[in-house]
C-alpha atoms as a PDB file:
ATOM      1  CA  MET A   1      78.911 129.194  99.519  1.00  0.00           C
ATOM      2  CA  SER A   2      80.394 132.765  98.891  1.00  0.00           C
ATOM      3  CA  ILE A   3      83.468 132.675  96.539  1.00  0.00           C
ATOM      4  CA  TRP A   4      85.099 134.995  99.249  1.00  0.00           C
ATOM      5  CA  ILE A   5      85.066 131.973 101.777  1.00  0.00           C
ATOM      6  CA  TRP A   6      86.626 129.861  98.896  1.00  0.00           C
ATOM      7  CA  ILE A   7      89.444 132.512  98.611  1.00  0.00           C
ATOM      8  CA  GLY A   8      89.869 132.784 101.918  1.00  0.00           C
ATOM      9  CA  PHE A   9      90.479 129.278 102.627  1.00  0.00           C
ATOM     10  CA  PHE A  10      93.066 128.794  99.852  1.00  0.00           C
ATOM     11  CA  VAL A  11      94.786 132.045 101.144  1.00  0.00           C
ATOM     12  CA  LEU A  12      94.958 130.484 104.485  1.00  0.00           C
ATOM     13  CA  VAL A  13      96.259 126.883 103.069  1.00  0.00           C
ATOM     14  CA  LEU A  14      98.746 128.763 101.008  1.00  0.00           C
ATOM     15  CA  ALA A  15      99.750 131.024 104.001  1.00  0.00           C
ATOM     16  CA  MET A  16     100.119 127.756 106.284  1.00  0.00           C
ATOM     17  CA  LEU A  17     102.079 126.114 103.657  1.00  0.00           C
ATOM     18  CA  ALA A  18     104.465 129.172 103.143  1.00  0.00           C
ATOM     19  CA  ILE A  19     105.143 129.580 106.819  1.00  0.00           C
ATOM     20  CA  ASP A  20     105.889 125.670 107.225  1.00  0.00           C
ATOM     21  CA  LEU A  21     108.309 125.564 104.015  1.00  0.00           C
ATOM     22  CA  GLY A  22     109.844 129.074 105.137  1.00  0.00           C
ATOM     23  CA  VAL A  23     110.423 128.441 108.835  1.00  0.00           C
ATOM     24  CA  THR A  24     110.488 124.470 109.001  1.00  0.00           C
ATOM     25  CA  ASP A  25     112.559 123.475 105.887  1.00  0.00           C
ATOM     26  CA  ARG A  26     114.909 126.686 106.173  1.00  0.00           C
ATOM     27  CA  HIS A  27     117.513 124.569 107.507  1.00  0.00           C
ATOM     28  CA  PRO A  28     117.421 120.752 106.718  1.00  0.00           C
ATOM     29  CA  HIS A  29     117.294 118.511 109.779  1.00  0.00           C
ATOM     30  CA  GLU A  30     115.849 115.451 111.090  1.00  0.00           C
ATOM     31  CA  ILE A  31     112.453 116.116 112.815  1.00  0.00           C
ATOM     32  CA  LYS A  32     112.596 114.934 116.181  1.00  0.00           C
ATOM     33  CA  ILE A  33     109.439 113.343 117.897  1.00  0.00           C
ATOM     34  CA  LYS A  34     108.859 116.302 120.443  1.00  0.00           C
ATOM     35  CA  GLU A  35     109.100 118.811 117.301  1.00  0.00           C
ATOM     36  CA  ALA A  36     106.745 116.722 115.352  1.00  0.00           C
ATOM     37  CA  LEU A  37     103.912 116.459 118.298  1.00  0.00           C
ATOM     38  CA  VAL A  38     104.342 120.180 118.408  1.00  0.00           C
ATOM     39  CA  GLN A  39     103.576 120.575 114.661  1.00  0.00           C
ATOM     40  CA  THR A  40     100.755 117.796 114.809  1.00  0.00           C
ATOM     41  CA  ALA A  41      99.089 119.690 117.762  1.00  0.00           C
ATOM     42  CA  ILE A  42      99.359 122.859 115.915  1.00  0.00           C
ATOM     43  CA  TRP A  43      97.621 121.419 112.405  1.00  0.00           C
ATOM     44  CA  ILE A  44      95.239 119.629 114.528  1.00  0.00           C
ATOM     45  CA  SER A  45      94.534 122.849 116.374  1.00  0.00           C
ATOM     46  CA  VAL A  46      93.861 124.888 113.252  1.00  0.00           C
ATOM     47  CA  SER A  47      91.678 122.179 111.850  1.00  0.00           C
ATOM     48  CA  LEU A  48      89.261 122.239 115.016  1.00  0.00           C
ATOM     49  CA  LEU A  49      89.326 126.209 114.895  1.00  0.00           C
ATOM     50  CA  PHE A  50      88.387 126.055 111.042  1.00  0.00           C
ATOM     51  CA  CYS A  51      85.513 123.570 112.145  1.00  0.00           C
ATOM     52  CA  PHE A  52      84.600 125.998 114.849  1.00  0.00           C
ATOM     53  CA  GLY A  53      84.561 128.493 112.201  1.00  0.00           C
ATOM     54  CA  ILE A  54      81.938 126.405 110.127  1.00  0.00           C
ATOM     55  CA  PHE A  55      79.839 125.985 113.171  1.00  0.00           C
ATOM     56  CA  VAL A  56      79.666 129.835 113.879  1.00  0.00           C
ATOM     57  CA  PHE A  57      79.193 130.541 110.300  1.00  0.00           C
ATOM     58  CA  ASP A  58      78.524 128.331 107.450  1.00  0.00           C
ATOM     59  CA  GLY A  59      78.059 131.083 104.590  1.00  0.00           C
ATOM     60  CA  GLU A  60      74.356 131.154 105.343  1.00  0.00           C
ATOM     61  CA  GLY A  61      73.833 132.647 108.724  1.00  0.00           C
ATOM     62  CA  TYR A  62      75.124 132.731 112.349  1.00  0.00           C
ATOM     63  CA  PHE A  63      74.992 129.402 114.453  1.00  0.00           C
ATOM     64  CA  ASN A  64      73.531 127.505 111.374  1.00  0.00           C
ATOM     65  CA  GLY A  65      76.587 125.344 110.606  1.00  0.00           C
ATOM     66  CA  GLY A  66      76.167 122.468 113.350  1.00  0.00           C
ATOM     67  CA  GLU A  67      75.452 119.856 110.907  1.00  0.00           C
ATOM     68  CA  LYS A  68      78.097 121.257 108.339  1.00  0.00           C
ATOM     69  CA  ALA A  69      80.654 121.342 111.344  1.00  0.00           C
ATOM     70  CA  LEU A  70      79.860 117.637 112.169  1.00  0.00           C
ATOM     71  CA  GLU A  71      80.368 116.539 108.323  1.00  0.00           C
ATOM     72  CA  PHE A  72      83.561 118.292 108.386  1.00  0.00           C
ATOM     73  CA  LEU A  73      85.049 116.960 111.574  1.00  0.00           C
ATOM     74  CA  THR A  74      83.500 113.336 110.445  1.00  0.00           C
ATOM     75  CA  GLY A  75      85.349 113.809 107.019  1.00  0.00           C
ATOM     76  CA  TYR A  76      88.569 114.784 108.584  1.00  0.00           C
ATOM     77  CA  LEU A  77      88.506 111.911 110.924  1.00  0.00           C
ATOM     78  CA  ILE A  78      88.093 109.435 107.773  1.00  0.00           C
ATOM     79  CA  GLU A  79      90.590 111.011 105.827  1.00  0.00           C
ATOM     80  CA  LYS A  80      93.046 111.447 108.731  1.00  0.00           C
ATOM     81  CA  SER A  81      92.629 107.618 109.670  1.00  0.00           C
ATOM     82  CA  LEU A  82      92.712 106.375 106.089  1.00  0.00           C
ATOM     83  CA  SER A  83      96.109 108.532 105.454  1.00  0.00           C
ATOM     84  CA  MET A  84      97.773 106.676 108.414  1.00  0.00           C
ATOM     85  CA  ASP A  85      98.085 103.919 105.970  1.00  0.00           C
ATOM     86  CA  ASN A  86     100.603 106.357 104.029  1.00  0.00           C
ATOM     87  CA  LEU A  87     102.743 106.411 107.024  1.00  0.00           C
ATOM     88  CA  PHE A  88     103.565 102.659 106.340  1.00  0.00           C
ATOM     89  CA  VAL A  89     104.414 103.559 102.793  1.00  0.00           C
ATOM     90  CA  PHE A  90     106.624 106.318 103.667  1.00  0.00           C
ATOM     91  CA  LEU A  91     108.561 104.357 106.074  1.00  0.00           C
ATOM     92  CA  MET A  92     109.324 101.775 103.495  1.00  0.00           C
ATOM     93  CA  LEU A  93     109.945 104.192 100.760  1.00  0.00           C
ATOM     94  CA  PHE A  94     112.470 106.202 103.016  1.00  0.00           C
ATOM     95  CA  SER A  95     114.305 102.887 104.150  1.00  0.00           C
ATOM     96  CA  TYR A  96     114.601 101.410 100.591  1.00  0.00           C
ATOM     97  CA  PHE A  97     115.941 104.634  98.727  1.00  0.00           C
ATOM     98  CA  GLY A  98     118.087 105.600 101.904  1.00  0.00           C
ATOM     99  CA  ILE A  99     116.528 108.896 102.448  1.00  0.00           C
ATOM    100  CA  PRO A 100     118.533 110.395 105.397  1.00  0.00           C
ATOM    101  CA  GLY A 101     116.114 111.896 108.317  1.00  0.00           C
ATOM    102  CA  LYS A 102     116.878 115.606 107.423  1.00  0.00           C
ATOM    103  CA  TYR A 103     115.782 115.473 103.871  1.00  0.00           C
ATOM    104  CA  GLN A 104     112.461 113.324 104.469  1.00  0.00           C
ATOM    105  CA  HIS A 105     110.664 116.561 105.447  1.00  0.00           C
ATOM    106  CA  GLU A 106     111.203 118.176 102.304  1.00  0.00           C
ATOM    107  CA  VAL A 107     110.258 115.161 100.267  1.00  0.00           C
ATOM    108  CA  LEU A 108     107.061 114.769 102.323  1.00  0.00           C
ATOM    109  CA  PHE A 109     106.454 118.788 101.796  1.00  0.00           C
ATOM    110  CA  TRP A 110     106.519 118.351  97.884  1.00  0.00           C
ATOM    111  CA  GLY A 111     104.621 115.139  98.292  1.00  0.00           C
ATOM    112  CA  ILE A 112     101.643 116.617 100.122  1.00  0.00           C
ATOM    113  CA  LEU A 113     101.596 119.655  97.946  1.00  0.00           C
ATOM    114  CA  GLY A 114     101.111 117.594  94.890  1.00  0.00           C
ATOM    115  CA  ALA A 115      98.423 115.610  96.848  1.00  0.00           C
ATOM    116  CA  LEU A 116      96.714 118.791  97.599  1.00  0.00           C
ATOM    117  CA  VAL A 117      96.411 119.666  93.869  1.00  0.00           C
ATOM    118  CA  LEU A 118      95.272 116.014  92.787  1.00  0.00           C
ATOM    119  CA  ARG A 119      92.658 115.658  95.593  1.00  0.00           C
ATOM    120  CA  THR A 120      91.257 118.867  94.471  1.00  0.00           C
ATOM    121  CA  ILE A 121      90.866 117.837  91.017  1.00  0.00           C
ATOM    122  CA  PHE A 122      89.344 114.365  92.056  1.00  0.00           C
ATOM    123  CA  ILE A 123      86.866 115.843  94.649  1.00  0.00           C
ATOM    124  CA  PHE A 124      85.399 118.364  92.401  1.00  0.00           C
ATOM    125  CA  ALA A 125      85.089 115.559  89.664  1.00  0.00           C
ATOM    126  CA  GLY A 126      83.632 113.373  92.221  1.00  0.00           C
ATOM    127  CA  VAL A 127      80.843 115.713  93.186  1.00  0.00           C
ATOM    128  CA  SER A 128      80.156 116.649  89.593  1.00  0.00           C
ATOM    129  CA  LEU A 129      79.468 112.982  89.140  1.00  0.00           C
ATOM    130  CA  ILE A 130      77.176 112.735  92.099  1.00  0.00           C
ATOM    131  CA  ASN A 131      75.327 115.744  91.198  1.00  0.00           C
ATOM    132  CA  ARG A 132      74.902 114.618  87.613  1.00  0.00           C
ATOM    133  CA  PHE A 133      74.477 110.588  87.822  1.00  0.00           C
ATOM    134  CA  VAL A 134      72.522 109.566  90.969  1.00  0.00           C
ATOM    135  CA  TRP A 135      73.210 105.945  90.204  1.00  0.00           C
ATOM    136  CA  ILE A 136      77.090 106.609  90.872  1.00  0.00           C
ATOM    137  CA  ILE A 137      76.389 106.981  94.686  1.00  0.00           C
ATOM    138  CA  PRO A 138      75.510 103.186  95.077  1.00  0.00           C
ATOM    139  CA  VAL A 139      78.616 102.526  92.689  1.00  0.00           C
ATOM    140  CA  PHE A 140      80.966 104.444  95.328  1.00  0.00           C
ATOM    141  CA  GLY A 141      79.384 102.792  98.025  1.00  0.00           C
ATOM    142  CA  ALA A 142      79.724  99.199  96.631  1.00  0.00           C
ATOM    143  CA  PHE A 143      83.327  99.894  96.029  1.00  0.00           C
ATOM    144  CA  LEU A 144      83.874 101.062  99.582  1.00  0.00           C
ATOM    145  CA  VAL A 145      82.161  97.908 100.904  1.00  0.00           C
ATOM    146  CA  PHE A 146      84.549  95.983  98.499  1.00  0.00           C
ATOM    147  CA  THR A 147      87.641  97.659  99.578  1.00  0.00           C
ATOM    148  CA  GLY A 148      86.920  97.625 103.144  1.00  0.00           C
ATOM    149  CA  ILE A 149      86.419  93.644 103.121  1.00  0.00           C
ATOM    150  CA  LYS A 150      89.700  93.617 100.880  1.00  0.00           C
ATOM    151  CA  THR A 151      91.587  95.668 103.505  1.00  0.00           C
ATOM    152  CA  PHE A 152      90.171  93.701 106.471  1.00  0.00           C
ATOM    153  CA  LEU A 153      91.234  90.192 104.741  1.00  0.00           C
ATOM    154  CA  SER A 154      94.455  91.268 103.212  1.00  0.00           C
ATOM    155  CA  LYS A 155      98.007  89.947 104.335  1.00  0.00           C
ATOM    156  CA  ASP A 156     100.754  92.256 105.599  1.00  0.00           C
ATOM    157  CA  ASN A 157     102.584  93.671 102.687  1.00  0.00           C
ATOM    158  CA  ASP A 158     105.904  94.318 104.359  1.00  0.00           C
ATOM    159  CA  ASN A 159     107.840  92.486 101.796  1.00  0.00           C
ATOM    160  CA  ASP A 160     106.750  94.347  99.158  1.00  0.00           C
ATOM    161  CA  ASP A 161     109.771  95.762  96.975  1.00  0.00           C
ATOM    162  CA  PRO A 162     109.537  99.623  95.762  1.00  0.00           C
ATOM    163  CA  GLY A 163     112.025  98.662  93.241  1.00  0.00           C
ATOM    164  CA  ASN A 164     109.399  96.638  91.357  1.00  0.00           C
ATOM    165  CA  ASN A 165     106.919  99.534  91.395  1.00  0.00           C
ATOM    166  CA  LEU A 166     105.596 100.103  87.950  1.00  0.00           C
ATOM    167  CA  ILE A 167     106.189 103.789  88.375  1.00  0.00           C
ATOM    168  CA  ILE A 168     109.879 103.353  88.892  1.00  0.00           C
ATOM    169  CA  ARG A 169     110.461 100.627  86.300  1.00  0.00           C
ATOM    170  CA  VAL A 170     108.840 102.830  83.524  1.00  0.00           C
ATOM    171  CA  PHE A 171     110.727 106.068  84.752  1.00  0.00           C
ATOM    172  CA  LYS A 172     113.959 104.368  84.674  1.00  0.00           C
ATOM    173  CA  LYS A 173     113.390 103.476  81.218  1.00  0.00           C
ATOM    174  CA  LEU A 174     112.560 106.848  80.052  1.00  0.00           C
ATOM    175  CA  PHE A 175     115.169 109.005  82.317  1.00  0.00           C
ATOM    176  CA  PRO A 176     118.624 108.147  83.606  1.00  0.00           C
ATOM    177  CA  VAL A 177     118.629 107.722  87.549  1.00  0.00           C
ATOM    178  CA  THR A 178     121.649 107.822  89.823  1.00  0.00           C
ATOM    179  CA  PRO A 179     121.722 105.542  92.908  1.00  0.00           C
ATOM    180  CA  LYS A 180     123.837 108.352  94.714  1.00  0.00           C
ATOM    181  CA  MET A 181     122.100 110.745  97.047  1.00  0.00           C
ATOM    182  CA  HIS A 182     123.038 114.225  96.104  1.00  0.00           C
ATOM    183  CA  GLU A 183     121.642 116.317  99.541  1.00  0.00           C
ATOM    184  CA  ASP A 184     118.086 117.340  99.038  1.00  0.00           C
ATOM    185  CA  LYS A 185     118.450 117.722  95.031  1.00  0.00           C
ATOM    186  CA  PHE A 186     115.976 116.049  92.948  1.00  0.00           C
ATOM    187  CA  PHE A 187     118.017 116.060  89.885  1.00  0.00           C
ATOM    188  CA  VAL A 188     121.820 116.622  89.249  1.00  0.00           C
ATOM    189  CA  ARG A 189     124.169 116.476  86.473  1.00  0.00           C
ATOM    190  CA  GLU A 190     126.621 113.612  86.225  1.00  0.00           C
ATOM    191  CA  ALA A 191     129.053 113.697  83.281  1.00  0.00           C
ATOM    192  CA  GLY A 192     127.307 116.509  81.963  1.00  0.00           C
ATOM    193  CA  LYS A 193     123.975 114.464  81.909  1.00  0.00           C
ATOM    194  CA  LEU A 194     120.995 115.253  83.644  1.00  0.00           C
ATOM    195  CA  VAL A 195     119.848 112.599  86.069  1.00  0.00           C
ATOM    196  CA  ALA A 196     117.120 111.870  88.679  1.00  0.00           C
ATOM    197  CA  THR A 197     118.370 111.231  92.335  1.00  0.00           C
ATOM    198  CA  PRO A 198     116.610 108.642  94.775  1.00  0.00           C
ATOM    199  CA  ILE A 199     115.053 111.488  96.399  1.00  0.00           C
ATOM    200  CA  PHE A 200     112.996 112.210  93.228  1.00  0.00           C
ATOM    201  CA  LEU A 201     112.262 108.543  92.817  1.00  0.00           C
ATOM    202  CA  ALA A 202     110.983 108.516  96.488  1.00  0.00           C
ATOM    203  CA  LEU A 203     108.449 111.562  95.489  1.00  0.00           C
ATOM    204  CA  LEU A 204     107.290 110.074  92.368  1.00  0.00           C
ATOM    205  CA  VAL A 205     106.177 106.995  94.269  1.00  0.00           C
ATOM    206  CA  ILE A 206     104.679 109.037  96.919  1.00  0.00           C
ATOM    207  CA  GLU A 207     102.429 111.084  94.377  1.00  0.00           C
ATOM    208  CA  ALA A 208     101.437 107.785  92.816  1.00  0.00           C
ATOM    209  CA  SER A 209     100.358 106.196  96.138  1.00  0.00           C
ATOM    210  CA  ASP A 210      98.324 109.133  97.162  1.00  0.00           C
ATOM    211  CA  ILE A 211      96.388 108.590  93.788  1.00  0.00           C
ATOM    212  CA  VAL A 212      95.528 104.821  94.949  1.00  0.00           C
ATOM    213  CA  PHE A 213      94.605 106.301  98.449  1.00  0.00           C
ATOM    214  CA  ALA A 214      92.714 109.054  96.978  1.00  0.00           C
ATOM    215  CA  VAL A 215      90.275 106.579  95.227  1.00  0.00           C
ATOM    216  CA  ASP A 216      89.348 105.250  98.633  1.00  0.00           C
ATOM    217  CA  SER A 217      89.446 107.953 100.832  1.00  0.00           C
ATOM    218  CA  ILE A 218      87.647 110.687  98.678  1.00  0.00           C
ATOM    219  CA  PRO A 219      84.353 108.523  98.188  1.00  0.00           C
ATOM    220  CA  ALA A 220      84.452 107.629 101.871  1.00  0.00           C
ATOM    221  CA  VAL A 221      83.991 111.349 102.782  1.00  0.00           C
ATOM    222  CA  LEU A 222      81.491 111.699  99.922  1.00  0.00           C
ATOM    223  CA  ALA A 223      79.389 109.327 101.910  1.00  0.00           C
ATOM    224  CA  VAL A 224      79.415 111.699 104.749  1.00  0.00           C
ATOM    225  CA  SER A 225      78.772 115.332 102.620  1.00  0.00           C
ATOM    226  CA  HIS A 226      78.173 115.926  99.051  1.00  0.00           C
ATOM    227  CA  ASP A 227      79.009 119.705  99.815  1.00  0.00           C
ATOM    228  CA  PRO A 228      82.204 120.309  97.890  1.00  0.00           C
ATOM    229  CA  PHE A 229      83.523 123.144 100.536  1.00  0.00           C
ATOM    230  CA  ILE A 230      83.268 120.437 103.104  1.00  0.00           C
ATOM    231  CA  VAL A 231      84.843 117.333 101.393  1.00  0.00           C
ATOM    232  CA  LEU A 232      87.486 119.477 100.129  1.00  0.00           C
ATOM    233  CA  THR A 233      88.361 121.330 103.402  1.00  0.00           C
ATOM    234  CA  SER A 234      88.307 118.075 105.675  1.00  0.00           C
ATOM    235  CA  ASN A 235      90.495 116.516 103.026  1.00  0.00           C
ATOM    236  CA  ILE A 236      93.116 119.276 102.835  1.00  0.00           C
ATOM    237  CA  PHE A 237      93.464 119.717 106.606  1.00  0.00           C
ATOM    238  CA  ALA A 238      93.948 116.155 107.108  1.00  0.00           C
ATOM    239  CA  ILE A 239      96.593 115.923 104.652  1.00  0.00           C
ATOM    240  CA  LEU A 240      98.304 119.119 105.660  1.00  0.00           C
ATOM    241  CA  GLY A 241      99.214 117.653 109.153  1.00  0.00           C
ATOM    242  CA  LEU A 242     100.264 114.169 107.702  1.00  0.00           C
ATOM    243  CA  ARG A 243     103.714 114.821 107.493  1.00  0.00           C
ATOM    244  CA  ALA A 244     104.179 116.156 110.909  1.00  0.00           C
ATOM    245  CA  LEU A 245     102.054 112.966 112.087  1.00  0.00           C
ATOM    246  CA  TYR A 246     104.516 110.707 110.147  1.00  0.00           C
ATOM    247  CA  PHE A 247     107.429 112.105 112.167  1.00  0.00           C
ATOM    248  CA  ALA A 248     105.266 111.966 115.526  1.00  0.00           C
ATOM    249  CA  LEU A 249     104.251 108.223 115.086  1.00  0.00           C
ATOM    250  CA  ALA A 250     107.213 106.877 112.749  1.00  0.00           C
ATOM    251  CA  GLY A 251     108.697 105.393 115.846  1.00  0.00           C
ATOM    252  CA  VAL A 252     105.747 103.681 117.170  1.00  0.00           C
ATOM    253  CA  ALA A 253     104.186 102.696 113.626  1.00  0.00           C
ATOM    254  CA  ARG A 254     105.172  99.208 114.187  1.00  0.00           C
ATOM    255  CA  TYR A 255     102.694  98.682 116.995  1.00  0.00           C
ATOM    256  CA  PHE A 256      99.885  99.334 114.705  1.00  0.00           C
ATOM    257  CA  ILE A 257      99.271  95.867 113.805  1.00  0.00           C
ATOM    258  CA  TYR A 258      95.564  95.868 113.856  1.00  0.00           C
ATOM    259  CA  LEU A 259      94.946  99.538 112.432  1.00  0.00           C
ATOM    260  CA  LYS A 260      94.294  97.882 108.921  1.00  0.00           C
ATOM    261  CA  TYR A 261      91.405  95.922 110.513  1.00  0.00           C
ATOM    262  CA  GLY A 262      89.766  99.117 111.938  1.00  0.00           C
ATOM    263  CA  LEU A 263      90.465 100.805 108.404  1.00  0.00           C
ATOM    264  CA  GLY A 264      88.746  97.918 106.859  1.00  0.00           C
ATOM    265  CA  ILE A 265      85.789  98.359 109.286  1.00  0.00           C
ATOM    266  CA  ILE A 266      85.551 101.983 108.813  1.00  0.00           C
ATOM    267  CA  LEU A 267      85.582 101.788 104.941  1.00  0.00           C
ATOM    268  CA  THR A 268      82.974  99.000 104.960  1.00  0.00           C
ATOM    269  CA  PHE A 269      81.027 101.321 107.289  1.00  0.00           C
ATOM    270  CA  VAL A 270      81.018 104.257 105.241  1.00  0.00           C
ATOM    271  CA  GLY A 271      80.119 102.139 102.149  1.00  0.00           C
ATOM    272  CA  VAL A 272      77.104 100.951 103.614  1.00  0.00           C
ATOM    273  CA  LYS A 273      76.058 104.370 104.895  1.00  0.00           C
ATOM    274  CA  MET A 274      76.478 105.366 101.394  1.00  0.00           C
ATOM    275  CA  LEU A 275      74.329 102.686  99.909  1.00  0.00           C
ATOM    276  CA  LEU A 276      71.529 103.022 102.636  1.00  0.00           C
ATOM    277  CA  GLY A 277      71.212 106.620 101.845  1.00  0.00           C
ATOM    278  CA  SER A 278      71.098 106.446  98.282  1.00  0.00           C
ATOM    279  CA  GLU A 279      67.410 107.089  96.782  1.00  0.00           C
ATOM    280  CA  PHE A 280      68.493 105.154  93.661  1.00  0.00           C
ATOM    281  CA  ILE A 281      68.834 101.929  95.684  1.00  0.00           C
ATOM    282  CA  MET A 282      66.501 102.368  98.487  1.00  0.00           C
ATOM    283  CA  VAL A 283      63.526 103.939  96.838  1.00  0.00           C
ATOM    284  CA  ASP A 284      63.733 103.183  93.121  1.00  0.00           C
ATOM    285  CA  MET A 285      64.994  99.569  93.410  1.00  0.00           C
ATOM    286  CA  LEU A 286      63.868  98.479  96.770  1.00  0.00           C
ATOM    287  CA  GLY A 287      60.457 100.278  96.812  1.00  0.00           C
ATOM    288  CA  ARG A 288      60.967 102.003 100.286  1.00  0.00           C
ATOM    289  CA  ASP A 289      59.359 105.422 100.801  1.00  0.00           C
ATOM    290  CA  GLU A 290      62.862 107.128 101.586  1.00  0.00           C
ATOM    291  CA  ALA A 291      66.538 106.363 101.904  1.00  0.00           C
ATOM    292  CA  LEU A 292      67.827 105.426 105.132  1.00  0.00           C
ATOM    293  CA  GLU A 293      70.134 108.229 106.215  1.00  0.00           C
ATOM    294  CA  ILE A 294      72.575 107.213 109.192  1.00  0.00           C
ATOM    295  CA  PRO A 295      73.056 110.462 111.318  1.00  0.00           C
ATOM    296  CA  THR A 296      76.278 112.166 111.022  1.00  0.00           C
ATOM    297  CA  LEU A 297      76.940 112.163 114.727  1.00  0.00           C
ATOM    298  CA  TRP A 298      76.541 108.415 114.775  1.00  0.00           C
ATOM    299  CA  SER A 299      79.005 107.757 111.738  1.00  0.00           C
ATOM    300  CA  LEU A 300      81.570 110.137 113.835  1.00  0.00           C
ATOM    301  CA  ALA A 301      81.043 108.321 117.181  1.00  0.00           C
ATOM    302  CA  PHE A 302      81.088 104.811 115.512  1.00  0.00           C
ATOM    303  CA  ILE A 303      84.765 105.895 113.646  1.00  0.00           C
ATOM    304  CA  CYS A 304      86.336 107.270 116.869  1.00  0.00           C
ATOM    305  CA  VAL A 305      85.453 103.800 118.661  1.00  0.00           C
ATOM    306  CA  VAL A 306      86.839 101.762 115.846  1.00  0.00           C
ATOM    307  CA  LEU A 307      90.103 103.895 115.603  1.00  0.00           C
ATOM    308  CA  VAL A 308      90.589 103.958 119.465  1.00  0.00           C
ATOM    309  CA  VAL A 309      89.887 100.188 119.719  1.00  0.00           C
ATOM    310  CA  SER A 310      92.113  99.178 117.093  1.00  0.00           C
ATOM    311  CA  ILE A 311      95.007 101.040 118.044  1.00  0.00           C
ATOM    312  CA  ALA A 312      94.771 100.266 121.702  1.00  0.00           C
ATOM    313  CA  VAL A 313      94.244  96.457 121.125  1.00  0.00           C
ATOM    314  CA  SER A 314      97.441  96.991 118.497  1.00  0.00           C
ATOM    315  CA  VAL A 315      99.570  98.593 121.226  1.00  0.00           C
ATOM    316  CA  VAL A 316      98.649  96.435 124.007  1.00  0.00           C
ATOM    317  CA  VAL A 317      99.216  93.251 121.958  1.00  0.00           C
ATOM    318  CA  SER A 318     102.571  94.475 120.669  1.00  0.00           C
ATOM    319  CA  LYS A 319     103.714  95.389 124.057  1.00  0.00           C
ATOM    320  CA  LYS A 320     103.011  91.812 125.525  1.00  0.00           C
ATOM    321  CA  LYS A 321     104.762  90.310 122.446  1.00  0.00           C
ATOM    322  CA  GLU A 322     107.859  92.495 122.893  1.00  0.00           C
ATOM    323  CA  ALA A 323     107.816  91.452 126.837  1.00  0.00           C
ATOM    324  CA  VAL A 324     107.562  87.727 125.881  1.00  0.00           C
ATOM    325  CA  GLU A 325     110.462  87.823 123.402  1.00  0.00           C
ATOM    326  CA  ALA A 326     112.387  89.845 125.838  1.00  0.00           C
ATOM    327  CA  SER A 327     112.080  87.444 128.608  1.00  0.00           C
ATOM    328  CA  ALA A 328     112.991  84.534 126.128  1.00  0.00           C
ATOM    329  CA  LYS A 329     116.309  86.016 125.600  1.00  0.00           C
END
């Protein structure tokens, strides 16, 4: 991959972030659903245009990027779907810390900016490990299968108290914190002393949560492609539109009661895909002639079906429950 393509990609990302920060965040306000839907549509459109660009030119020649484009689209969809778990974390944190709607957008901006840096480091480290140690692929695969099954069987954590978060407890011991909001400021001075605000605590937990989510999502995308450019770009484009998606779906997120089952199935599937595609397992250990590669197009179709079904069933069941509860009153 040409260095100029890497440079062009990062210039594009920085330009989009600058526009987003300069235009959307110029006047703090609560993002309404209509505005959030427009922003979400723009981010998705840009991502699809980038995918088309990969299809047309993947750095080696014109119209040679069909498989790479599929890998990007599949990785993008995996990351996007797994990132939806973040929406519930955002809702819980903003409610717990009492962050007004007009300041949530800025918190998410800096949270996502930090996530981009962390994901970049993790992705290059993961690709480097795969290229250097062939046995790491089935380790990632087994981890994804374990995580997928655990996600599928886990109980709801709606009652978790963010105040008990280890990061917050440690930070409060090291640095003074004020319970009062000071508009959109992360730090203020009270009685001549520098203190952190609830907005900074929310940002701190968001960054820590992203590290946890990255442990699942990055190996999942690596199951689709080992090309660092594809893995990184699909991750970044999925994350860039996450905060717009949050405001678009925040009001209806309570309906996604079965989404976690869909995510569990997806994680398990990509883990199995990684295990079957590992020569270390299939050839060296099981004595097969070659590894079993599940075509990227099949993976993309499977993930789309699981997502659509889990969300559709969630909405239908939730609506029926609301109707029954309303008629009982």
